[in-house]
C-alpha atoms as a PDB file:
ATOM      1  CA  MET A   1     147.833  -6.873-233.176  1.00  0.00           C
ATOM      2  CA  LYS A   2     144.855  -8.583-232.238  1.00  0.00           C
ATOM      3  CA  ILE A   3     144.450 -10.972-229.180  1.00  0.00           C
ATOM      4  CA  TYR A   4     141.957 -13.724-229.609  1.00  0.00           C
ATOM      5  CA  HIS A   5     140.916 -15.985-226.643  1.00  0.00           C
ATOM      6  CA  ILE A   6     140.542 -19.216-228.389  1.00  0.00           C
ATOM      7  CA  VAL A   7     140.254 -19.725-232.285  1.00  0.00           C
ATOM      8  CA  LEU A   8     137.995 -22.539-233.325  1.00  0.00           C
ATOM      9  CA  ASN A   9     138.599 -24.438-236.527  1.00  0.00           C
ATOM     10  CA  VAL A  10     136.388 -26.968-238.805  1.00  0.00           C
ATOM     11  CA  PHE A  11     137.838 -30.018-236.843  1.00  0.00           C
ATOM     12  CA  ASN A  12     136.228 -28.920-233.555  1.00  0.00           C
ATOM     13  CA  TYR A  13     133.075 -30.770-231.910  1.00  0.00           C
ATOM     14  CA  PHE A  14     130.174 -29.252-230.730  1.00  0.00           C
ATOM     15  CA  VAL A  15     130.722 -29.905-227.329  1.00  0.00           C
ATOM     16  CA  LYS A  16     134.348 -28.686-227.119  1.00  0.00           C
ATOM     17  CA  SER A  17     133.107 -25.326-228.952  1.00  0.00           C
ATOM     18  CA  PHE A  18     129.903 -25.396-226.667  1.00  0.00           C
ATOM     19  CA  ARG A  19     132.823 -25.907-223.551  1.00  0.00           C
ATOM     20  CA  ALA A  20     135.090 -22.902-224.962  1.00  0.00           C
ATOM     21  CA  VAL A  21     132.926 -20.334-225.881  1.00  0.00           C
ATOM     22  CA  VAL A  22     128.855 -20.366-224.061  1.00  0.00           C
ATOM     23  CA  GLU A  23     129.526 -22.351-221.069  1.00  0.00           C
ATOM     24  CA  PRO A  24     131.482 -19.989-219.228  1.00  0.00           C
ATOM     25  CA  LEU A  25     128.516 -17.277-220.296  1.00  0.00           C
ATOM     26  CA  ILE A  26     126.189 -19.060-218.752  1.00  0.00           C
ATOM     27  CA  SER A  27     127.372 -18.784-215.484  1.00  0.00           C
ATOM     28  CA  GLN A  28     127.010 -14.979-216.223  1.00  0.00           C
ATOM     29  CA  VAL A  29     123.510 -15.080-217.321  1.00  0.00           C
ATOM     30  CA  MET A  30     122.926 -17.395-213.801  1.00  0.00           C
ATOM     31  CA  GLN A  31     124.374 -14.073-211.704  1.00  0.00           C
ATOM     32  CA  GLY A  32     121.760 -12.015-213.826  1.00  0.00           C
ATOM     33  CA  TYR A  33     123.788 -10.320-216.416  1.00  0.00           C
ATOM     34  CA  ASN A  34     122.944 -10.183-220.198  1.00  0.00           C
ATOM     35  CA  CYS A  35     124.832 -12.712-222.636  1.00  0.00           C
ATOM     36  CA  THR A  36     124.235 -13.201-226.469  1.00  0.00           C
ATOM     37  CA  VAL A  37     125.558 -15.840-228.892  1.00  0.00           C
ATOM     38  CA  PHE A  38     125.090 -15.154-232.543  1.00  0.00           C
ATOM     39  CA  ALA A  39     126.105 -16.993-235.924  1.00  0.00           C
ATOM     40  CA  TYR A  40     127.645 -14.728-238.306  1.00  0.00           C
ATOM     41  CA  GLY A  41     128.558 -15.267-242.136  1.00  0.00           C
ATOM     42  CA  GLN A  42     127.833 -16.294-245.396  1.00  0.00           C
ATOM     43  CA  THR A  43     124.575 -17.750-246.653  1.00  0.00           C
ATOM     44  CA  GLY A  44     125.205 -21.726-246.446  1.00  0.00           C
ATOM     45  CA  THR A  45     128.176 -21.683-244.063  1.00  0.00           C
ATOM     46  CA  GLY A  46     126.123 -23.531-241.296  1.00  0.00           C
ATOM     47  CA  LYS A  47     124.862 -21.362-238.954  1.00  0.00           C
ATOM     48  CA  THR A  48     121.762 -22.457-238.058  1.00  0.00           C
ATOM     49  CA  TYR A  49     123.177 -25.953-237.739  1.00  0.00           C
ATOM     50  CA  THR A  50     125.234 -24.651-235.617  1.00  0.00           C
ATOM     51  CA  MET A  51     122.484 -23.090-233.212  1.00  0.00           C
ATOM     52  CA  GLU A  52     119.961 -25.580-233.800  1.00  0.00           C
ATOM     53  CA  GLY A  53     122.025 -28.957-234.806  1.00  0.00           C
ATOM     54  CA  GLY A  54     121.227 -31.875-237.114  1.00  0.00           C
ATOM     55  CA  ASP A  55     118.649 -34.977-236.298  1.00  0.00           C
ATOM     56  CA  GLY A  56     120.014 -36.382-233.348  1.00  0.00           C
ATOM     57  CA  ARG A  57     118.112 -34.341-230.833  1.00  0.00           C
ATOM     58  CA  ASP A  58     114.696 -35.797-232.143  1.00  0.00           C
ATOM     59  CA  ASP A  59     116.444 -39.146-230.433  1.00  0.00           C
ATOM     60  CA  PRO A  60     115.602 -39.365-226.944  1.00  0.00           C
ATOM     61  CA  GLY A  61     118.211 -41.509-225.863  1.00  0.00           C
ATOM     62  CA  LEU A  62     120.812 -38.786-226.771  1.00  0.00           C
ATOM     63  CA  THR A  63     121.825 -36.098-224.071  1.00  0.00           C
ATOM     64  CA  TRP A  64     123.354 -33.086-225.353  1.00  0.00           C
ATOM     65  CA  GLU A  65     127.150 -34.329-224.872  1.00  0.00           C
ATOM     66  CA  SER A  66     126.483 -37.518-226.317  1.00  0.00           C
ATOM     67  CA  ASP A  67     124.709 -36.141-229.436  1.00  0.00           C
ATOM     68  CA  PRO A  68     127.115 -35.332-231.797  1.00  0.00           C
ATOM     69  CA  THR A  69     124.927 -33.295-233.942  1.00  0.00           C
ATOM     70  CA  SER A  70     123.444 -31.507-230.774  1.00  0.00           C
ATOM     71  CA  GLY A  71     123.578 -27.273-231.881  1.00  0.00           C
ATOM     72  CA  ILE A  72     124.129 -24.269-229.181  1.00  0.00           C
ATOM     73  CA  VAL A  73     120.736 -23.746-228.706  1.00  0.00           C
ATOM     74  CA  PRO A  74     119.603 -27.402-227.141  1.00  0.00           C
ATOM     75  CA  ARG A  75     123.033 -27.831-225.507  1.00  0.00           C
ATOM     76  CA  GLN A  76     122.623 -24.297-223.250  1.00  0.00           C
ATOM     77  CA  VAL A  77     119.039 -25.295-222.523  1.00  0.00           C
ATOM     78  CA  ASP A  78     119.753 -28.568-221.383  1.00  0.00           C
ATOM     79  CA  PHE A  79     122.912 -26.901-219.118  1.00  0.00           C
ATOM     80  CA  CYS A  80     120.630 -24.382-217.809  1.00  0.00           C
ATOM     81  CA  SER A  81     117.945 -26.700-216.723  1.00  0.00           C
ATOM     82  CA  CYS A  82     120.569 -28.942-215.182  1.00  0.00           C
ATOM     83  CA  LEU A  83     121.886 -25.734-213.255  1.00  0.00           C
ATOM     84  CA  VAL A  84     118.830 -24.821-211.772  1.00  0.00           C
ATOM     85  CA  GLU A  85     117.776 -28.432-210.713  1.00  0.00           C
ATOM     86  CA  VAL A  86     121.701 -28.536-209.085  1.00  0.00           C
ATOM     87  CA  TYR A  87     121.362 -24.752-207.538  1.00  0.00           C
ATOM     88  CA  PRO A  88     117.839 -24.272-207.052  1.00  0.00           C
ATOM     89  CA  ARG A  89     119.091 -20.660-205.685  1.00  0.00           C
ATOM     90  CA  PHE A  90     118.975 -19.804-209.237  1.00  0.00           C
END
């Protein structure tokens, strides 16, 4: 029997996926642990789109939370830079 912590489907948005999967790992990275998030799957299934995002990331008026097309990588970079500003000891 397999036990999953979370199952995401096609109706999950980037913000929910980011908060469920990546955000908990960032605190571990900030404590010095190594973590990896990768996309795996068949050709044409959206791995690059999931990791990099869509065209909304080019709009300077959007943040990672308000841009529905922002991928995992832009979200984590912005999130980590916010953490460094709030917690300079990192």
